[in-house]
Amino acid sequence: MNKNLFYEKCYKVLCRVPKGKVTTYKSIAYALNSKAYRAVGTAMNKNPYAPSVPCHRVVNSDGSVGKFACGTSKKIKMLRTEGIVIGDGEINLGEFEFKF
């Protein structure tokens, strides 16, 4: 699959995640019938549509916030603004994870 097409598919899936919820790189990959978690991360890093396509809502599978093109502190601020609780750099996925 063409990488730009893959990125666009990632963005389309991500747009389903509502404000106040997060998803993981792995969940997006699975929603696309793929195991390309790292490629999902690259797509998020190159997201030309932010914040309309909310890449700040994508976190690591262990609940840690993960990286962000604009800096991790900005990502944490954006998530907190949406009502997501972050304790010690982690998010309770049981409470805040969006399921596809």
C-alpha atoms as a PDB file:
ATOM      1  CA  MET A   1       0.000   0.000   0.000  1.00  0.00           C
ATOM      2  CA  ASN A   2       1.169   3.500  -0.818  1.00  0.00           C
ATOM      3  CA  LYS A   3       2.356   5.218   2.379  1.00  0.00           C
ATOM      4  CA  ASN A   4       0.281   8.370   1.718  1.00  0.00           C
ATOM      5  CA  LEU A   5      -2.830   6.229   1.286  1.00  0.00           C
ATOM      6  CA  PHE A   6      -1.983   4.427   4.529  1.00  0.00           C
ATOM      7  CA  TYR A   7      -1.586   7.772   6.312  1.00  0.00           C
ATOM      8  CA  GLU A   8      -4.951   8.987   5.012  1.00  0.00           C
ATOM      9  CA  LYS A   9      -6.600   5.787   6.238  1.00  0.00           C
ATOM     10  CA  CYS A  10      -5.010   6.335   9.665  1.00  0.00           C
ATOM     11  CA  TYR A  11      -6.413   9.866   9.795  1.00  0.00           C
ATOM     12  CA  LYS A  12      -9.876   8.675   8.789  1.00  0.00           C
ATOM     13  CA  VAL A  13      -9.890   6.068  11.585  1.00  0.00           C
ATOM     14  CA  LEU A  14      -8.537   8.577  14.108  1.00  0.00           C
ATOM     15  CA  CYS A  15     -11.344  11.032  13.345  1.00  0.00           C
ATOM     16  CA  ARG A  16     -13.745   8.553  14.978  1.00  0.00           C
ATOM     17  CA  VAL A  17     -12.108   9.113  18.392  1.00  0.00           C
ATOM     18  CA  PRO A  18     -14.220  11.695  20.243  1.00  0.00           C
ATOM     19  CA  LYS A  19     -13.043  14.499  22.474  1.00  0.00           C
ATOM     20  CA  GLY A  20     -12.283  13.152  25.951  1.00  0.00           C
ATOM     21  CA  LYS A  21     -11.121   9.745  24.675  1.00  0.00           C
ATOM     22  CA  VAL A  22      -7.817   8.352  23.433  1.00  0.00           C
ATOM     23  CA  THR A  23      -6.736   5.455  21.290  1.00  0.00           C
ATOM     24  CA  THR A  24      -3.435   3.682  20.735  1.00  0.00           C
ATOM     25  CA  TYR A  25      -1.163   3.316  17.755  1.00  0.00           C
ATOM     26  CA  LYS A  26      -1.822  -0.419  17.946  1.00  0.00           C
ATOM     27  CA  SER A  27      -5.609   0.042  17.938  1.00  0.00           C
ATOM     28  CA  ILE A  28      -5.453   2.208  14.837  1.00  0.00           C
ATOM     29  CA  ALA A  29      -3.257  -0.380  13.108  1.00  0.00           C
ATOM     30  CA  TYR A  30      -5.694  -3.167  14.051  1.00  0.00           C
ATOM     31  CA  ALA A  31      -8.642  -1.084  12.819  1.00  0.00           C
ATOM     32  CA  LEU A  32      -6.817  -1.037   9.474  1.00  0.00           C
ATOM     33  CA  ASN A  33      -6.134  -4.798   9.580  1.00  0.00           C
ATOM     34  CA  SER A  34      -2.438  -4.083   9.968  1.00  0.00           C
ATOM     35  CA  LYS A  35       0.354  -4.610  12.473  1.00  0.00           C
ATOM     36  CA  ALA A  36       2.214  -1.500  11.337  1.00  0.00           C
ATOM     37  CA  TYR A  37       2.128   0.348  14.682  1.00  0.00           C
ATOM     38  CA  ARG A  38       5.272   2.301  13.919  1.00  0.00           C
ATOM     39  CA  ALA A  39       3.878   3.406  10.566  1.00  0.00           C
ATOM     40  CA  VAL A  40       0.809   4.706  12.417  1.00  0.00           C
ATOM     41  CA  GLY A  41       3.173   6.692  14.634  1.00  0.00           C
ATOM     42  CA  THR A  42       4.886   8.130  11.576  1.00  0.00           C
ATOM     43  CA  ALA A  43       1.505   9.081  10.119  1.00  0.00           C
ATOM     44  CA  MET A  44       0.610  10.896  13.346  1.00  0.00           C
ATOM     45  CA  ASN A  45       3.958  12.723  13.330  1.00  0.00           C
ATOM     46  CA  LYS A  46       3.369  13.877   9.744  1.00  0.00           C
ATOM     47  CA  ASN A  47      -0.317  14.780  10.248  1.00  0.00           C
ATOM     48  CA  PRO A  48      -0.956  17.868   8.077  1.00  0.00           C
ATOM     49  CA  TYR A  49      -4.527  18.223   9.364  1.00  0.00           C
ATOM     50  CA  ALA A  50      -3.902  18.765  13.084  1.00  0.00           C
ATOM     51  CA  PRO A  51      -5.780  19.642  15.189  1.00  0.00           C
ATOM     52  CA  SER A  52      -8.799  18.736  12.993  1.00  0.00           C
ATOM     53  CA  VAL A  53      -7.380  15.226  12.856  1.00  0.00           C
ATOM     54  CA  PRO A  54      -6.591  14.868  16.574  1.00  0.00           C
ATOM     55  CA  CYS A  55      -3.255  13.036  16.632  1.00  0.00           C
ATOM     56  CA  HIS A  56      -2.802  14.218  20.231  1.00  0.00           C
ATOM     57  CA  ARG A  57      -5.423  11.570  21.160  1.00  0.00           C
ATOM     58  CA  VAL A  58      -3.102   8.708  20.185  1.00  0.00           C
ATOM     59  CA  VAL A  59      -1.090   7.225  23.066  1.00  0.00           C
ATOM     60  CA  ASN A  60       1.060   4.177  23.751  1.00  0.00           C
ATOM     61  CA  SER A  61      -0.551   0.810  24.516  1.00  0.00           C
ATOM     62  CA  ASP A  62       0.644   0.974  28.130  1.00  0.00           C
ATOM     63  CA  GLY A  63      -1.222   4.253  28.679  1.00  0.00           C
ATOM     64  CA  SER A  64       1.872   6.425  28.565  1.00  0.00           C
ATOM     65  CA  VAL A  65       1.366   9.658  26.679  1.00  0.00           C
ATOM     66  CA  GLY A  66       4.046   9.075  24.068  1.00  0.00           C
ATOM     67  CA  LYS A  67       5.662  11.561  21.757  1.00  0.00           C
ATOM     68  CA  PHE A  68       4.105  14.497  19.940  1.00  0.00           C
ATOM     69  CA  ALA A  69       5.416  16.613  17.071  1.00  0.00           C
ATOM     70  CA  CYS A  70       4.739  19.811  19.074  1.00  0.00           C
ATOM     71  CA  GLY A  71       6.238  18.391  22.275  1.00  0.00           C
ATOM     72  CA  THR A  72       4.929  16.072  24.971  1.00  0.00           C
ATOM     73  CA  SER A  73       3.990  18.896  27.341  1.00  0.00           C
ATOM     74  CA  LYS A  74       1.725  20.402  24.649  1.00  0.00           C
ATOM     75  CA  LYS A  75       0.116  16.980  24.107  1.00  0.00           C
ATOM     76  CA  ILE A  76      -0.541  16.609  27.841  1.00  0.00           C
ATOM     77  CA  LYS A  77      -2.064  20.095  27.972  1.00  0.00           C
ATOM     78  CA  MET A  78      -4.347  19.339  25.008  1.00  0.00           C
ATOM     79  CA  LEU A  79      -5.500  16.047  26.533  1.00  0.00           C
ATOM     80  CA  ARG A  80      -6.162  17.625  29.926  1.00  0.00           C
ATOM     81  CA  THR A  81      -8.179  20.376  28.215  1.00  0.00           C
ATOM     82  CA  GLU A  82     -10.404  17.598  26.861  1.00  0.00           C
ATOM     83  CA  GLY A  83     -10.925  16.182  30.358  1.00  0.00           C
ATOM     84  CA  ILE A  84      -8.462  13.306  30.190  1.00  0.00           C
ATOM     85  CA  VAL A  85      -6.759  12.629  33.515  1.00  0.00           C
ATOM     86  CA  ILE A  86      -3.022  11.994  33.288  1.00  0.00           C
ATOM     87  CA  GLY A  87      -1.317  10.720  36.415  1.00  0.00           C
ATOM     88  CA  ASP A  88       2.462  10.223  36.434  1.00  0.00           C
ATOM     89  CA  GLY A  89       2.526  10.502  32.633  1.00  0.00           C
ATOM     90  CA  GLU A  90      -0.037   7.751  32.157  1.00  0.00           C
ATOM     91  CA  ILE A  91      -3.684   7.571  31.175  1.00  0.00           C
ATOM     92  CA  ASN A  92      -6.126   5.021  32.569  1.00  0.00           C
ATOM     93  CA  LEU A  93      -7.082   3.268  29.332  1.00  0.00           C
ATOM     94  CA  GLY A  94      -9.898   1.441  31.102  1.00  0.00           C
ATOM     95  CA  GLU A  95     -11.563   4.797  31.576  1.00  0.00           C
ATOM     96  CA  PHE A  96     -10.460   6.844  28.588  1.00  0.00           C
ATOM     97  CA  GLU A  97      -9.735   4.440  25.710  1.00  0.00           C
ATOM     98  CA  PHE A  98     -12.012   4.573  22.685  1.00  0.00           C
ATOM     99  CA  LYS A  99     -12.798   1.120  21.274  1.00  0.00           C
ATOM    100  CA  PHE A 100     -13.207   0.745  17.519  1.00  0.00           C
END
